[in-house]
Amino acid sequence: MSVINWINTIIEDINTIQQKDAAGKNIFEVIFLYQGFHVLLAHRIAHKLLYWKIPFIPRMISQIARFLTGIEIHPGARIGKRFFIDHGSGVVIGETTIIGDDVLIYQGVTLGGTGKEQGKRHPTLGNFVTVGAGAKVLGNITIGDYSTIGAGSVVVDNVGEHCTVVGVPGRVIKQKKYIEGQLQHNRIPDPVYCELNRLKYEVLELKEKIAELEKSK
């Protein structure tokens, strides 16, 4: 990556934060106060050094960045353009993770593995994916473009495009895409509540039928 491309990437990262976070009022706040921006800079350096097969130093940079920001990104993770970690504390991104363009993740997210298997063992996130606070996406699975992972969900299976996942374990609900780049927690459906609500009306219907039968005797 040339110096000009490097500078353009940094400018793009800053603009992304200002667009996606209403609290990012000016460029100076983003540069000096956003740990998601700091850890991304460190990761881009560490990832390039790892690509050049330089030992030890990439992991050292990653661990220093973790100590300073509370965010752990393995140097081997591949991250696309306009990636934004909102708040960021407690985020963990594993070695073989692949993240597409325009991805947004919140604090407490884990993109991790499920064991000691070798090779590709961490998730692949498509473009325009949003992962809510505290969600865990585990294993060598793929999250399709424009999909949303609800806060606190645990996802261990592949997710298609334009899907919403909620619950533990994560359940997929086909829906129209939410506003691009924004996770609207108040509009994510709860399948458990929907199922309980359906069962409630079935019970009421059965009670009415039993009452009618008793009257007809």
Protein backbone atom coordinates (compact mmCIF):
# COMPACT_ATOMS: atom_id res chain seq x y z
CA MET A 1 0.00 0.00 0.00
CA SER A 2 1.46 3.36 -1.04
CA VAL A 3 1.62 6.36 1.28
CA ILE A 4 -1.18 8.08 -0.67
CA ASN A 5 -3.42 5.02 -0.42
CA TRP A 6 -2.63 4.76 3.28
CA ILE A 7 -3.63 8.39 3.85
CA ASN A 8 -6.81 7.95 1.80
CA THR A 9 -7.72 4.89 3.88
CA ILE A 10 -7.26 6.84 7.13
CA ILE A 11 -9.39 9.72 5.82
CA GLU A 12 -12.06 7.21 4.78
CA ASP A 13 -12.03 5.66 8.25
CA ILE A 14 -12.49 9.08 9.86
CA ASN A 15 -15.34 9.99 7.51
CA THR A 16 -17.04 6.66 8.23
CA ILE A 17 -17.02 7.31 11.97
CA GLN A 18 -18.46 10.79 11.53
CA GLN A 19 -21.22 9.44 9.28
CA LYS A 20 -22.21 6.53 11.51
CA ASP A 21 -21.81 8.06 14.97
CA ALA A 22 -23.75 11.18 15.88
CA ALA A 23 -21.36 11.77 18.80
CA GLY A 24 -18.41 12.24 16.45
CA LYS A 25 -18.80 15.98 16.16
CA ASN A 26 -15.48 16.83 14.55
CA ILE A 27 -12.32 15.31 13.12
CA PHE A 28 -10.24 16.01 16.23
CA GLU A 29 -12.58 14.01 18.46
CA VAL A 30 -12.39 11.08 16.08
CA ILE A 31 -8.59 11.15 15.81
CA PHE A 32 -7.83 11.57 19.51
CA LEU A 33 -10.81 10.05 21.36
CA TYR A 34 -12.13 7.07 19.37
CA GLN A 35 -10.56 3.76 20.39
CA GLY A 36 -12.17 2.04 17.42
CA PHE A 37 -10.17 4.32 15.13
CA HIS A 38 -6.96 3.79 17.11
CA VAL A 39 -7.18 0.00 17.10
CA LEU A 40 -7.96 -0.04 13.37
CA LEU A 41 -4.81 1.97 12.65
CA ALA A 42 -2.77 -0.44 14.76
CA HIS A 43 -4.36 -3.43 13.05
CA ARG A 44 -3.61 -2.17 9.55
CA ILE A 45 0.08 -1.84 10.51
CA ALA A 46 0.20 -5.23 12.26
CA HIS A 47 -1.62 -6.96 9.38
CA LYS A 48 0.85 -5.58 6.84
CA LEU A 49 3.84 -6.68 8.94
CA LEU A 50 2.31 -10.16 9.25
CA TYR A 51 1.83 -10.23 5.47
CA TRP A 52 5.55 -9.50 5.17
CA LYS A 53 6.15 -12.53 7.46
CA ILE A 54 7.73 -10.46 10.21
CA PRO A 55 7.54 -12.51 13.45
CA PHE A 56 6.47 -11.41 16.93
CA ILE A 57 6.04 -7.68 16.22
CA PRO A 58 2.52 -7.92 14.71
CA ARG A 59 1.22 -9.75 17.81
CA MET A 60 3.01 -7.29 20.06
CA ILE A 61 1.30 -4.38 18.28
CA SER A 62 -2.04 -6.18 18.64
CA GLN A 63 -1.53 -6.71 22.37
CA ILE A 64 -0.45 -3.11 22.98
CA ALA A 65 -3.53 -1.91 21.09
CA ARG A 66 -5.68 -4.26 23.20
CA PHE A 67 -4.19 -2.85 26.42
CA LEU A 68 -4.82 0.74 25.29
CA THR A 69 -8.28 0.33 23.73
CA GLY A 70 -9.88 -2.78 25.23
CA ILE A 71 -10.31 -4.16 21.69
CA GLU A 72 -8.47 -7.26 20.49
CA ILE A 73 -7.97 -7.81 16.77
CA HIS A 74 -5.62 -10.57 15.70
CA PRO A 75 -3.14 -9.34 13.04
CA GLY A 76 -4.27 -12.14 10.74
CA ALA A 77 -7.86 -10.89 10.51
CA ARG A 78 -8.81 -9.41 7.13
CA ILE A 79 -10.87 -6.23 7.40
CA GLY A 80 -12.51 -4.39 4.51
CA LYS A 81 -13.15 -0.71 3.89
CA ARG A 82 -15.16 1.66 6.08
CA PHE A 83 -15.17 -0.68 9.08
CA PHE A 84 -16.50 0.90 12.29
CA ILE A 85 -16.42 -0.37 15.87
CA ASP A 86 -18.87 1.72 17.91
CA HIS A 87 -17.75 2.19 21.55
CA GLY A 88 -15.64 -0.94 21.17
CA SER A 89 -14.84 -2.13 24.68
CA GLY A 90 -14.63 -5.93 24.89
CA VAL A 91 -14.58 -6.59 21.13
CA VAL A 92 -12.59 -9.68 20.08
CA ILE A 93 -11.84 -10.53 16.44
CA GLY A 94 -10.10 -13.85 15.73
CA GLU A 95 -7.18 -14.68 13.47
CA THR A 96 -9.00 -16.07 10.41
CA THR A 97 -11.93 -13.65 10.52
CA ILE A 98 -12.83 -11.99 7.22
CA ILE A 99 -14.85 -8.75 7.34
CA GLY A 100 -16.33 -7.15 4.23
CA ASP A 101 -16.88 -3.48 3.46
CA ASP A 102 -19.13 -1.08 5.42
CA VAL A 103 -19.46 -3.37 8.44
CA LEU A 104 -20.60 -1.95 11.79
CA ILE A 105 -20.12 -3.74 15.13
CA TYR A 106 -20.88 -2.65 18.67
CA GLN A 107 -19.21 -3.18 22.05
CA GLY A 108 -18.77 -6.66 23.48
CA VAL A 109 -18.91 -8.45 20.12
CA THR A 110 -16.89 -11.64 19.64
CA LEU A 111 -16.01 -12.97 16.20
CA GLY A 112 -14.40 -16.14 17.47
CA GLY A 113 -13.77 -19.83 17.02
CA THR A 114 -15.37 -22.88 18.61
CA GLY A 115 -12.33 -25.00 19.40
CA LYS A 116 -8.73 -25.79 18.52
CA GLU A 117 -9.33 -26.73 14.90
CA GLN A 118 -6.78 -25.57 12.34
CA GLY A 119 -7.30 -23.51 9.18
CA LYS A 120 -10.31 -21.23 8.71
CA ARG A 121 -12.06 -21.28 12.08
CA HIS A 122 -13.54 -17.81 12.47
CA PRO A 123 -16.53 -16.09 10.81
CA THR A 124 -16.77 -14.36 7.47
CA LEU A 125 -18.93 -11.23 7.45
CA GLY A 126 -20.27 -9.90 4.16
CA ASN A 127 -20.76 -6.27 3.19
CA PHE A 128 -23.04 -3.91 5.16
CA VAL A 129 -23.37 -6.36 8.06
CA THR A 130 -24.32 -5.00 11.51
CA VAL A 131 -23.53 -6.90 14.72
CA GLY A 132 -25.27 -5.69 17.87
CA ALA A 133 -23.79 -5.21 21.33
CA GLY A 134 -22.65 -8.37 23.09
CA ALA A 135 -23.36 -10.68 20.15
CA LYS A 136 -21.17 -13.75 19.60
CA VAL A 137 -20.55 -15.04 16.08
CA LEU A 138 -18.61 -18.29 16.38
CA GLY A 139 -16.95 -20.74 14.05
CA ASN A 140 -16.24 -20.90 10.33
CA ILE A 141 -19.62 -19.53 9.27
CA THR A 142 -20.72 -16.86 6.82
CA ILE A 143 -22.98 -13.89 7.52
CA GLY A 144 -24.51 -12.67 4.26
CA ASP A 145 -24.57 -9.11 2.96
CA TYR A 146 -26.92 -6.60 4.64
CA SER A 147 -27.68 -8.96 7.52
CA THR A 148 -28.18 -7.85 11.12
CA ILE A 149 -27.18 -9.75 14.26
CA GLY A 150 -29.28 -8.62 17.22
CA ALA A 151 -27.72 -7.61 20.53
CA GLY A 152 -26.80 -10.55 22.76
CA SER A 153 -27.36 -13.18 20.06
CA VAL A 154 -25.16 -16.26 19.71
CA VAL A 155 -24.74 -17.29 16.08
CA VAL A 156 -23.17 -20.65 15.16
CA ASP A 157 -24.77 -21.31 11.74
CA ASN A 158 -24.57 -19.63 8.35
CA VAL A 159 -26.84 -16.63 7.78
CA GLY A 160 -28.09 -15.59 4.34
CA GLU A 161 -28.35 -12.11 2.90
CA HIS A 162 -30.85 -9.52 4.20
CA CYS A 163 -31.54 -11.58 7.34
CA THR A 164 -32.00 -10.68 10.97
CA VAL A 165 -30.75 -13.03 13.70
CA VAL A 166 -31.93 -12.90 17.31
CA GLY A 167 -31.72 -15.14 20.36
CA VAL A 168 -29.56 -17.85 21.89
CA PRO A 169 -28.92 -19.83 19.81
CA GLY A 170 -29.48 -17.35 17.00
CA ARG A 171 -32.63 -17.77 14.92
CA VAL A 172 -32.94 -16.30 11.45
CA ILE A 173 -35.95 -14.19 10.52
CA LYS A 174 -36.35 -13.11 6.91
CA GLN A 175 -37.11 -9.43 6.74
CA LYS A 176 -36.63 -6.33 4.69
CA LYS A 177 -33.33 -4.57 5.20
CA TYR A 178 -33.10 -2.01 8.00
CA ILE A 179 -31.71 1.46 7.48
CA GLU A 180 -28.24 0.92 6.04
CA GLY A 181 -25.48 1.00 8.63
CA GLN A 182 -27.84 1.47 11.58
CA LEU A 183 -28.98 -1.15 14.05
CA GLN A 184 -32.50 -0.34 15.23
CA HIS A 185 -32.77 -2.41 18.39
CA ASN A 186 -36.42 -1.42 18.92
CA ARG A 187 -37.43 -2.92 15.55
CA ILE A 188 -35.78 -6.32 15.86
CA PRO A 189 -38.51 -8.95 16.31
CA ASP A 190 -38.50 -11.45 19.17
CA PRO A 191 -39.43 -14.92 17.85
CA VAL A 192 -39.91 -16.34 21.37
CA TYR A 193 -42.45 -13.64 22.20
CA CYS A 194 -44.22 -14.18 18.88
CA GLU A 195 -44.46 -17.94 19.48
CA LEU A 196 -45.74 -17.49 23.05
CA ASN A 197 -48.29 -14.98 21.80
CA ARG A 198 -49.49 -17.46 19.15
CA LEU A 199 -49.80 -20.22 21.75
CA LYS A 200 -51.78 -17.91 24.04
CA TYR A 201 -54.39 -17.31 21.36
CA GLU A 202 -54.54 -21.02 20.56
CA VAL A 203 -55.25 -21.77 24.24
CA LEU A 204 -57.98 -19.12 24.33
CA GLU A 205 -59.54 -20.60 21.19
CA LEU A 206 -59.48 -24.11 22.71
CA LYS A 207 -61.10 -22.82 25.93
CA GLU A 208 -63.90 -21.23 23.90
CA LYS A 209 -64.51 -24.50 22.03
CA ILE A 210 -64.57 -26.48 25.30
CA ALA A 211 -67.03 -23.98 26.78
CA GLU A 212 -69.29 -24.34 23.72
CA LEU A 213 -69.18 -28.15 23.98
CA GLU A 214 -70.12 -28.02 27.65
CA LYS A 215 -73.05 -25.73 26.90
CA SER A 216 -74.31 -28.06 24.16
CA LYS A 217 -74.51 -31.05 26.56
